[in-house]
Amino acid sequence: MQVVAAAQALEAGRVEQAEQALAPLFARSGSHPEVLRLRAGMRSLRGDHADAILAASRGVAQRPDDPLQHNTLGTVLAEAGQYDEAIAALRRCCDLQPGYAVAHYNLGVLLTRCVRHDEAVVALREAVALAPAHADARALLADMLRVSGHADEAAAEYRRILAERPWTGMAWWGLADLKTMKFEAGDVARMESALRDARGSDDDRVAIGFALAKALDDEGRLAESMAALAASNTIARRRRRWDGATFAAQMTAVRAAFEQAPATGSGDFGKAAIFVTSLPRSGSTLIEQILASHSAVEGAGELPDLPLVIAEESRRRAQAFPAWVPAMQAADWKRLGERYLERTAHWTARRPRFTDKLPNNWYYFGAIRAMLPGARIIAVRRDPLETCFSCYRQLLHNNEYSRTFDDLAGFWREFDRSVVAALPLQPGQLFESVHEQLVAAPEARIRALLEHCGLPFEPGCLEFHRTERDVRSPSAMQVRQPLRRDTARAARYGDLLDPLRAALARATSA
């Protein structure tokens, strides 16, 4: 009974209940494969990736032909950012039990994160074929329609899901994330009812809360919108808290590791890559859309490859990044650069340059300089109050710093410090793009952006909204419109945002 209770709690995302149910089992049967599997899921939700992977690996070792064990291993590896290994584990699960819809769904989610959309659609369609009532798989397929610019079709599918399962959080959030579309009359009441529905999980409640906040904002009910955001972020924070002090110490160590120029090559090696880095919700999707409107640039999206290459080297050296940086020689950095270019080679099949828009690649400014001296980097900035508030309002996967104002301000501070430190060290490689300047003088700033990237000016970059391509980010619908000057929201909220202003002031003074 305790195993069943723990499994049900984990499925609903209720970590505390799972811990209570599993505590006696850990003491009595901690090495049992099923207990190990549940422990892996629980520790992964808590953000303890090393312990989760260890437990899941021990479970697989004992039951190598058990699809459930491989599914758990795949999901915890994915949460730890070990995507290649996670995909292998999930594919093994699907081979062992082809009719296991959840495994096909998990594989589809992971392939989506890896910007392997064609493969993701195959996996998700298999999940829906096996389990037509799998609402999250259907919602993610609807997301694919949104990515391709088919907003009306996506909205219709979200509505069909909600007609059958009104507590499906990802369908409500899918409607909210269309951005350019308004909720219907009565949707607020439906979401409030869905929040009380016992059939929903904590994940559903978090997603519904963010969608409700968007609907309340549309109606001008700003205090209620803030309350809905606070409630959703509180639920999410119960399972995993952001350790701002540890993160700040890590980023200080990274900056210190690259204060001296690393032993590296020079020239155009890595020129194909253009990294677009930022905090989320800063305008980076717009910058990528502008670049992808150039005839020489493929807009690849948020690629996982750079952190995966860094993680591979960390495992090879049995040291965390950046502890191994001082031992690196020019040949080592070139090897990592070659590995990155090998992983991303398919993005140059149609055009010679490509964008890598994974926001947090600013962690690796120094590593990019050493690995790929010919690459170009764009650091995208937006007013910090607008940026942090927009992050707070957005349902962001695995971005736990966005749950409180103090954590958001601390995260922004580390980004700011990293950009300021890197600019004088990488003057020909790093370019700072300020969103407000782009809005005020678009042609001048776009010309400067293209010049930094070594690209001749093309008028199509000014007409970026006409470029047809898949865009998988919260701004997917917005970048298909001409440049907007009305996206700022903080002023409408007035003193409701004073706590965020105070947090940013403390972070700046620190």
Foldseek 3Di string as FASTA:
>chain_A
DLLVQLVVCLVLVNLVSNCVSLVVVCVPPVLALSSLLSVLSSVLLAVNLVSSLVSLVSSCVVPVLALSSLLSNLVSCVSVLQLVSSLVSLVSSCVSPVLPLVSLQSNLVSCVLQLVNVSSVVSLVSSCVSPVLPLVSQLVVLLQCVLQVNLVSSLVSLVVNCVVPVLALSSLLSNLLSVVDADDPPVLVSLVVSLVDPVHGLVSLLSSLLSSLSNCVVVLVNVVSVVSLLVSLVSSVVRYADDLVVVLVQLVVLLVLPLDQAAADADQFQLQEEEEAEQPPQCSLLVLLLVCLDQQENESAAHSLLVNLQVVVCVVVVHHPPPCSVVDHHVNLQVSLVSSCVVVVVSPPRHSHYYHYNHPCLSCLSSCCRNGVNYAYEYGGEPLLQSLVVLSSDDDPPPSLNSDLLSSLSVVLSSVVSVVSCCVVNVLHYHYHYPVVCLVPVVVSSCVVCVSSVHHDDCSSQVSLPDRDRYNDSCSNVSVDHDDDPPGDVVSSPCVCVVNVVSNVVSVVD
